[in-house]
Amino acid sequence: MSKIEIACFNPESAMIAFENGADRIELCDGLSEGGTTPDFETVKELRIKINIPIFVMIRPRGGDFTYSEAEFEQMKKELVQLKSLGADGFVFGILDNNDKVSVEQNKVLVELAGSLPCTFHRAFDRATNLEDSLEKVIDCGFKTILTSGQKPNVSEGKENLKKLVELSNGRIEILVGGGLRSTNIEEIREFTNASYFHSSAITDGGAFAIADEVIALKNS
């Protein structure tokens, strides 16, 4: 059985993920934008109903991962607020103007999170230089990197994912996600030796996680 994090873009998906055996929830809004900061009220309500870890996305908008000073201030405020609402961890990633990992800004957010673990999200897949980016993310204090191996999806990125698992050597968790489904998880797991996997479990082009897909991912 694999460890599975489900990306949930609405409260309904979070409940489906929880009820069908997900190990962790990545909670966000903005499905069409690839995930943005969710509504505080949603986090509050779900926290009461769900007893598996909820990692909350901190991302003020879709598009690139280079943020203005005002956007960065917003990210800091939201992280602090969400921490007080009982988030178990945070998911974010900031790049500088040259598409390198912005060590300084990311470190500030990781420090604000305190003892709560942080995941560097798929901004990693837009960053230049795989090895350098990996070391920078580790240096910032992240516990996890969500990545498709710097390719459009996990199937195309499997060589790089395997390399990342080897290079990280247990120093940080490589969370494999991006086009991951129950139909390809076994092949990807065997090839990469990764142990944690990420999927929206949406197989019908809709907005909600599919219960059977969560179960299939978990049991594969």
C-alpha atoms as a PDB file:
ATOM      1  CA  MET A   1       0.000   0.000   0.000  1.00  0.00           C
ATOM      2  CA  SER A   2       1.218   3.472  -0.912  1.00  0.00           C
ATOM      3  CA  LYS A   3       1.097   6.600   1.195  1.00  0.00           C
ATOM      4  CA  ILE A   4      -1.274   8.964  -0.537  1.00  0.00           C
ATOM      5  CA  GLU A   5      -1.878  12.704  -0.340  1.00  0.00           C
ATOM      6  CA  ILE A   6      -4.988  13.934  -2.137  1.00  0.00           C
ATOM      7  CA  ALA A   7      -5.088  17.460  -3.545  1.00  0.00           C
ATOM      8  CA  CYS A   8      -8.545  18.756  -2.607  1.00  0.00           C
ATOM      9  CA  PHE A   9      -9.947  21.891  -4.202  1.00  0.00           C
ATOM     10  CA  ASN A  10     -13.196  21.956  -2.202  1.00  0.00           C
ATOM     11  CA  PRO A  11     -14.558  20.643   1.114  1.00  0.00           C
ATOM     12  CA  GLU A  12     -16.441  17.800  -0.609  1.00  0.00           C
ATOM     13  CA  SER A  13     -13.211  16.357  -2.028  1.00  0.00           C
ATOM     14  CA  ALA A  14     -11.529  16.627   1.367  1.00  0.00           C
ATOM     15  CA  MET A  15     -14.299  14.551   2.954  1.00  0.00           C
ATOM     16  CA  ILE A  16     -14.147  11.972   0.128  1.00  0.00           C
ATOM     17  CA  ALA A  17     -10.356  11.698   0.564  1.00  0.00           C
ATOM     18  CA  PHE A  18     -10.658  11.365   4.338  1.00  0.00           C
ATOM     19  CA  GLU A  19     -13.466   8.783   4.231  1.00  0.00           C
ATOM     20  CA  ASN A  20     -11.690   6.616   1.653  1.00  0.00           C
ATOM     21  CA  GLY A  21      -8.306   6.193   3.278  1.00  0.00           C
ATOM     22  CA  ALA A  22      -6.073   9.092   2.199  1.00  0.00           C
ATOM     23  CA  ASP A  23      -3.062   9.604   4.477  1.00  0.00           C
ATOM     24  CA  ARG A  24      -2.993  13.364   4.059  1.00  0.00           C
ATOM     25  CA  ILE A  25      -4.922  16.183   2.409  1.00  0.00           C
ATOM     26  CA  GLU A  26      -3.458  19.081   0.481  1.00  0.00           C
ATOM     27  CA  LEU A  27      -6.203  21.679   0.775  1.00  0.00           C
ATOM     28  CA  CYS A  28      -6.461  24.439  -1.776  1.00  0.00           C
ATOM     29  CA  ASP A  29      -8.850  26.488  -3.846  1.00  0.00           C
ATOM     30  CA  GLY A  30      -8.624  27.472  -7.509  1.00  0.00           C
ATOM     31  CA  LEU A  31      -8.732  24.177  -9.402  1.00  0.00           C
ATOM     32  CA  SER A  32      -8.354  25.923 -12.789  1.00  0.00           C
ATOM     33  CA  GLU A  33      -5.283  27.804 -11.510  1.00  0.00           C
ATOM     34  CA  GLY A  34      -3.580  24.685 -10.164  1.00  0.00           C
ATOM     35  CA  GLY A  35      -4.263  25.546  -6.536  1.00  0.00           C
ATOM     36  CA  THR A  36      -4.454  28.742  -4.463  1.00  0.00           C
ATOM     37  CA  THR A  37      -4.925  29.560  -0.760  1.00  0.00           C
ATOM     38  CA  PRO A  38      -8.266  28.147   0.444  1.00  0.00           C
ATOM     39  CA  ASP A  39     -10.923  30.044   2.333  1.00  0.00           C
ATOM     40  CA  PHE A  40     -10.244  30.279   6.103  1.00  0.00           C
ATOM     41  CA  GLU A  41     -13.816  29.223   6.879  1.00  0.00           C
ATOM     42  CA  THR A  42     -13.338  25.985   4.921  1.00  0.00           C
ATOM     43  CA  VAL A  43     -10.203  25.141   6.902  1.00  0.00           C
ATOM     44  CA  LYS A  44     -12.020  25.800  10.172  1.00  0.00           C
ATOM     45  CA  GLU A  45     -14.982  23.571   9.252  1.00  0.00           C
ATOM     46  CA  LEU A  46     -12.868  20.706   7.911  1.00  0.00           C
ATOM     47  CA  ARG A  47     -10.570  20.726  10.913  1.00  0.00           C
ATOM     48  CA  ILE A  48     -13.526  19.714  13.086  1.00  0.00           C
ATOM     49  CA  LYS A  49     -14.505  16.775  10.825  1.00  0.00           C
ATOM     50  CA  ILE A  50     -11.126  15.441   9.681  1.00  0.00           C
ATOM     51  CA  ASN A  51      -8.436  13.847  11.851  1.00  0.00           C
ATOM     52  CA  ILE A  52      -5.782  13.151   9.220  1.00  0.00           C
ATOM     53  CA  PRO A  53      -3.166  15.838   8.478  1.00  0.00           C
ATOM     54  CA  ILE A  54      -4.374  18.823   6.463  1.00  0.00           C
ATOM     55  CA  PHE A  55      -1.572  20.665   4.654  1.00  0.00           C
ATOM     56  CA  VAL A  56      -2.793  24.038   3.393  1.00  0.00           C
ATOM     57  CA  MET A  57      -1.680  25.730   0.171  1.00  0.00           C
ATOM     58  CA  ILE A  58      -0.281  29.254   0.527  1.00  0.00           C
ATOM     59  CA  ARG A  59      -0.461  30.750  -2.955  1.00  0.00           C
ATOM     60  CA  PRO A  60      -2.086  34.137  -3.583  1.00  0.00           C
ATOM     61  CA  ARG A  61      -2.793  33.588  -7.286  1.00  0.00           C
ATOM     62  CA  GLY A  62      -2.261  31.300 -10.259  1.00  0.00           C
ATOM     63  CA  GLY A  63       0.439  31.923 -12.828  1.00  0.00           C
ATOM     64  CA  ASP A  64       4.127  32.073 -12.028  1.00  0.00           C
ATOM     65  CA  PHE A  65       5.800  31.627  -8.637  1.00  0.00           C
ATOM     66  CA  THR A  66       7.583  34.961  -8.369  1.00  0.00           C
ATOM     67  CA  TYR A  67       5.692  37.272  -6.034  1.00  0.00           C
ATOM     68  CA  SER A  68       5.595  41.000  -5.386  1.00  0.00           C
ATOM     69  CA  GLU A  69       6.388  42.385  -1.941  1.00  0.00           C
ATOM     70  CA  ALA A  70       2.648  42.870  -1.303  1.00  0.00           C
ATOM     71  CA  GLU A  71       1.896  39.263  -2.318  1.00  0.00           C
ATOM     72  CA  PHE A  72       4.698  37.995  -0.089  1.00  0.00           C
ATOM     73  CA  GLU A  73       3.279  39.978   2.861  1.00  0.00           C
ATOM     74  CA  GLN A  74      -0.127  38.404   2.137  1.00  0.00           C
ATOM     75  CA  MET A  75       1.441  34.911   2.155  1.00  0.00           C
ATOM     76  CA  LYS A  76       3.049  35.559   5.557  1.00  0.00           C
ATOM     77  CA  LYS A  77      -0.230  36.844   7.041  1.00  0.00           C
ATOM     78  CA  GLU A  78      -2.244  33.936   5.659  1.00  0.00           C
ATOM     79  CA  LEU A  79       0.223  31.351   6.934  1.00  0.00           C
ATOM     80  CA  VAL A  80       0.063  32.793  10.457  1.00  0.00           C
ATOM     81  CA  GLN A  81      -3.744  32.925  10.330  1.00  0.00           C
ATOM     82  CA  LEU A  82      -4.050  29.348   9.013  1.00  0.00           C
ATOM     83  CA  LYS A  83      -1.618  28.131  11.653  1.00  0.00           C
ATOM     84  CA  SER A  84      -3.996  29.470  14.308  1.00  0.00           C
ATOM     85  CA  LEU A  85      -6.880  27.566  12.636  1.00  0.00           C
ATOM     86  CA  GLY A  86      -5.152  24.218  13.117  1.00  0.00           C
ATOM     87  CA  ALA A  87      -3.416  23.518   9.790  1.00  0.00           C
ATOM     88  CA  ASP A  88      -0.962  20.607  10.142  1.00  0.00           C
ATOM     89  CA  GLY A  89       1.465  21.881   7.534  1.00  0.00           C
ATOM     90  CA  PHE A  90       1.838  24.230   4.583  1.00  0.00           C
ATOM     91  CA  VAL A  91       2.448  23.965   0.854  1.00  0.00           C
ATOM     92  CA  PHE A  92       4.150  26.800  -1.033  1.00  0.00           C
ATOM     93  CA  GLY A  93       7.109  27.637  -3.231  1.00  0.00           C
ATOM     94  CA  ILE A  94       8.710  30.905  -4.294  1.00  0.00           C
ATOM     95  CA  LEU A  95      11.090  31.420  -7.211  1.00  0.00           C
ATOM     96  CA  ASP A  96      13.138  34.528  -7.972  1.00  0.00           C
ATOM     97  CA  ASN A  97      13.136  36.409 -11.299  1.00  0.00           C
ATOM     98  CA  ASN A  98      15.647  33.938 -12.732  1.00  0.00           C
ATOM     99  CA  ASP A  99      13.499  30.892 -11.874  1.00  0.00           C
ATOM    100  CA  LYS A 100      15.825  29.871  -9.079  1.00  0.00           C
ATOM    101  CA  VAL A 101      14.535  28.879  -5.624  1.00  0.00           C
ATOM    102  CA  SER A 102      14.226  32.098  -3.582  1.00  0.00           C
ATOM    103  CA  VAL A 103      16.014  30.845  -0.475  1.00  0.00           C
ATOM    104  CA  GLU A 104      15.505  34.001   1.572  1.00  0.00           C
ATOM    105  CA  GLN A 105      11.733  34.298   1.074  1.00  0.00           C
ATOM    106  CA  ASN A 106      11.029  30.587   1.437  1.00  0.00           C
ATOM    107  CA  LYS A 107      13.065  30.471   4.660  1.00  0.00           C
ATOM    108  CA  VAL A 108      10.961  33.279   6.147  1.00  0.00           C
ATOM    109  CA  LEU A 109       7.766  31.267   5.569  1.00  0.00           C
ATOM    110  CA  VAL A 110       9.301  28.001   6.817  1.00  0.00           C
ATOM    111  CA  GLU A 111      10.371  29.823  10.000  1.00  0.00           C
ATOM    112  CA  LEU A 112       6.881  31.291  10.449  1.00  0.00           C
ATOM    113  CA  ALA A 113       5.475  27.748  10.209  1.00  0.00           C
ATOM    114  CA  GLY A 114       7.647  26.831  13.202  1.00  0.00           C
ATOM    115  CA  SER A 115       7.344  23.153  14.043  1.00  0.00           C
ATOM    116  CA  LEU A 116       4.772  22.549  11.277  1.00  0.00           C
ATOM    117  CA  PRO A 117       6.200  20.813   8.179  1.00  0.00           C
ATOM    118  CA  CYS A 118       6.310  22.577   4.820  1.00  0.00           C
ATOM    119  CA  THR A 119       6.117  21.147   1.307  1.00  0.00           C
ATOM    120  CA  PHE A 120       7.776  22.943  -1.617  1.00  0.00           C
ATOM    121  CA  HIS A 121       5.132  22.526  -4.316  1.00  0.00           C
ATOM    122  CA  ARG A 122       5.404  22.155  -8.067  1.00  0.00           C
ATOM    123  CA  ALA A 123       7.117  25.518  -8.445  1.00  0.00           C
ATOM    124  CA  PHE A 124      10.037  23.086  -8.222  1.00  0.00           C
ATOM    125  CA  ASP A 125       9.160  21.870 -11.706  1.00  0.00           C
ATOM    126  CA  ARG A 126       9.634  25.386 -13.107  1.00  0.00           C
ATOM    127  CA  ALA A 127      12.964  25.919 -11.343  1.00  0.00           C
ATOM    128  CA  THR A 128      16.242  25.726 -13.228  1.00  0.00           C
ATOM    129  CA  ASN A 129      18.814  23.036 -12.420  1.00  0.00           C
ATOM    130  CA  LEU A 130      17.438  19.950 -10.706  1.00  0.00           C
ATOM    131  CA  GLU A 131      20.319  19.291  -8.289  1.00  0.00           C
ATOM    132  CA  ASP A 132      20.894  22.911  -7.302  1.00  0.00           C
ATOM    133  CA  SER A 133      17.159  23.408  -6.685  1.00  0.00           C
ATOM    134  CA  LEU A 134      16.994  20.268  -4.549  1.00  0.00           C
ATOM    135  CA  GLU A 135      19.845  21.492  -2.326  1.00  0.00           C
ATOM    136  CA  LYS A 136      18.303  24.957  -2.010  1.00  0.00           C
ATOM    137  CA  VAL A 137      14.920  23.531  -0.962  1.00  0.00           C
ATOM    138  CA  ILE A 138      16.606  21.316   1.644  1.00  0.00           C
ATOM    139  CA  ASP A 139      18.573  24.348   2.858  1.00  0.00           C
ATOM    140  CA  CYS A 140      15.317  26.289   3.358  1.00  0.00           C
ATOM    141  CA  GLY A 141      14.094  23.665   5.820  1.00  0.00           C
ATOM    142  CA  PHE A 142      11.301  22.069   3.791  1.00  0.00           C
ATOM    143  CA  LYS A 143      10.346  18.497   4.698  1.00  0.00           C
ATOM    144  CA  THR A 144       8.879  17.549   1.312  1.00  0.00           C
ATOM    145  CA  ILE A 145       9.089  18.431  -2.391  1.00  0.00           C
ATOM    146  CA  LEU A 146       6.019  17.869  -4.574  1.00  0.00           C
ATOM    147  CA  THR A 147       7.300  17.237  -8.077  1.00  0.00           C
ATOM    148  CA  SER A 148       6.722  15.524 -11.415  1.00  0.00           C
ATOM    149  CA  GLY A 149      10.471  15.501 -12.016  1.00  0.00           C
ATOM    150  CA  GLN A 150      10.528  18.887 -13.790  1.00  0.00           C
ATOM    151  CA  LYS A 151       8.490  17.443 -16.664  1.00  0.00           C
ATOM    152  CA  PRO A 152       4.778  17.967 -17.510  1.00  0.00           C
ATOM    153  CA  ASN A 153       3.771  14.751 -15.723  1.00  0.00           C
ATOM    154  CA  VAL A 154       5.180  11.885 -13.642  1.00  0.00           C
ATOM    155  CA  SER A 155       5.413   9.459 -16.568  1.00  0.00           C
ATOM    156  CA  GLU A 156       7.647  11.837 -18.540  1.00  0.00           C
ATOM    157  CA  GLY A 157       9.526  12.816 -15.396  1.00  0.00           C
ATOM    158  CA  LYS A 158      10.202   9.355 -13.988  1.00  0.00           C
ATOM    159  CA  GLU A 159      13.962   9.386 -14.756  1.00  0.00           C
ATOM    160  CA  ASN A 160      14.339  12.672 -12.867  1.00  0.00           C
ATOM    161  CA  LEU A 161      12.100  11.449 -10.042  1.00  0.00           C
ATOM    162  CA  LYS A 162      14.296   8.401  -9.609  1.00  0.00           C
ATOM    163  CA  LYS A 163      17.347  10.683  -9.579  1.00  0.00           C
ATOM    164  CA  LEU A 164      15.730  12.977  -6.979  1.00  0.00           C
ATOM    165  CA  VAL A 165      14.935  10.044  -4.680  1.00  0.00           C
ATOM    166  CA  GLU A 166      18.579   8.961  -4.937  1.00  0.00           C
ATOM    167  CA  LEU A 167      20.062  12.453  -4.509  1.00  0.00           C
ATOM    168  CA  SER A 168      17.799  13.348  -1.582  1.00  0.00           C
ATOM    169  CA  ASN A 169      18.951  10.178   0.193  1.00  0.00           C
ATOM    170  CA  GLY A 170      16.356  10.514   2.947  1.00  0.00           C
ATOM    171  CA  ARG A 171      17.151  14.183   3.668  1.00  0.00           C
ATOM    172  CA  ILE A 172      13.803  15.300   2.260  1.00  0.00           C
ATOM    173  CA  GLU A 173      10.719  13.429   1.100  1.00  0.00           C
ATOM    174  CA  ILE A 174      10.060  13.313  -2.641  1.00  0.00           C
ATOM    175  CA  LEU A 175       6.281  13.500  -3.057  1.00  0.00           C
ATOM    176  CA  VAL A 176       5.482  12.281  -6.564  1.00  0.00           C
ATOM    177  CA  GLY A 177       2.600  14.084  -8.245  1.00  0.00           C
ATOM    178  CA  GLY A 178       1.423  15.510 -11.541  1.00  0.00           C
ATOM    179  CA  GLY A 179      -0.695  13.266 -13.735  1.00  0.00           C
ATOM    180  CA  LEU A 180      -0.527  10.465 -11.174  1.00  0.00           C
ATOM    181  CA  ARG A 181      -3.428   7.992 -11.268  1.00  0.00           C
ATOM    182  CA  SER A 182      -4.177   4.501  -9.991  1.00  0.00           C
ATOM    183  CA  THR A 183      -3.413   3.298 -13.536  1.00  0.00           C
ATOM    184  CA  ASN A 184       0.256   4.389 -13.424  1.00  0.00           C
ATOM    185  CA  ILE A 185       1.166   4.531  -9.716  1.00  0.00           C
ATOM    186  CA  GLU A 186       2.617   1.004  -9.510  1.00  0.00           C
ATOM    187  CA  GLU A 187       4.903   1.500 -12.497  1.00  0.00           C
ATOM    188  CA  ILE A 188       6.052   4.909 -11.188  1.00  0.00           C
ATOM    189  CA  ARG A 189       6.643   3.575  -7.680  1.00  0.00           C
ATOM    190  CA  GLU A 190       8.710   0.632  -8.908  1.00  0.00           C
ATOM    191  CA  PHE A 191      10.780   2.810 -11.220  1.00  0.00           C
ATOM    192  CA  THR A 192      11.442   5.730  -8.831  1.00  0.00           C
ATOM    193  CA  ASN A 193      11.530   3.999  -5.412  1.00  0.00           C
ATOM    194  CA  ALA A 194       9.470   6.887  -4.040  1.00  0.00           C
ATOM    195  CA  SER A 195       7.168   6.145  -1.134  1.00  0.00           C
ATOM    196  CA  TYR A 196       4.680   9.059  -1.026  1.00  0.00           C
ATOM    197  CA  PHE A 197       2.317   9.934  -3.867  1.00  0.00           C
ATOM    198  CA  HIS A 198       0.044  12.887  -4.660  1.00  0.00           C
ATOM    199  CA  SER A 199      -3.087  12.981  -6.815  1.00  0.00           C
ATOM    200  CA  SER A 200      -6.325  14.916  -7.131  1.00  0.00           C
ATOM    201  CA  ALA A 201      -8.106  11.573  -7.723  1.00  0.00           C
ATOM    202  CA  ILE A 202     -10.240  13.377 -10.296  1.00  0.00           C
ATOM    203  CA  THR A 203     -10.705  11.022 -13.223  1.00  0.00           C
ATOM    204  CA  ASP A 204     -13.813  12.452 -14.897  1.00  0.00           C
ATOM    205  CA  GLY A 205     -12.670  16.002 -15.666  1.00  0.00           C
ATOM    206  CA  GLY A 206     -14.886  17.326 -12.870  1.00  0.00           C
ATOM    207  CA  ALA A 207     -14.042  19.181  -9.660  1.00  0.00           C
ATOM    208  CA  PHE A 208     -14.443  16.437  -7.066  1.00  0.00           C
ATOM    209  CA  ALA A 209     -12.237  13.576  -5.946  1.00  0.00           C
ATOM    210  CA  ILE A 210     -13.597  10.164  -6.959  1.00  0.00           C
ATOM    211  CA  ALA A 211     -13.963   7.770  -4.015  1.00  0.00           C
ATOM    212  CA  ASP A 212     -13.061   4.654  -6.040  1.00  0.00           C
ATOM    213  CA  GLU A 213      -9.913   6.336  -7.340  1.00  0.00           C
ATOM    214  CA  VAL A 214      -8.773   7.272  -3.818  1.00  0.00           C
ATOM    215  CA  ILE A 215      -9.273   3.632  -2.784  1.00  0.00           C
ATOM    216  CA  ALA A 216      -7.466   2.337  -5.890  1.00  0.00           C
ATOM    217  CA  LEU A 217      -4.495   4.684  -5.308  1.00  0.00           C
ATOM    218  CA  LYS A 218      -4.283   3.649  -1.672  1.00  0.00           C
ATOM    219  CA  ASN A 219      -4.462  -0.066  -2.389  1.00  0.00           C
ATOM    220  CA  SER A 220      -2.106  -0.146  -5.340  1.00  0.00           C
END
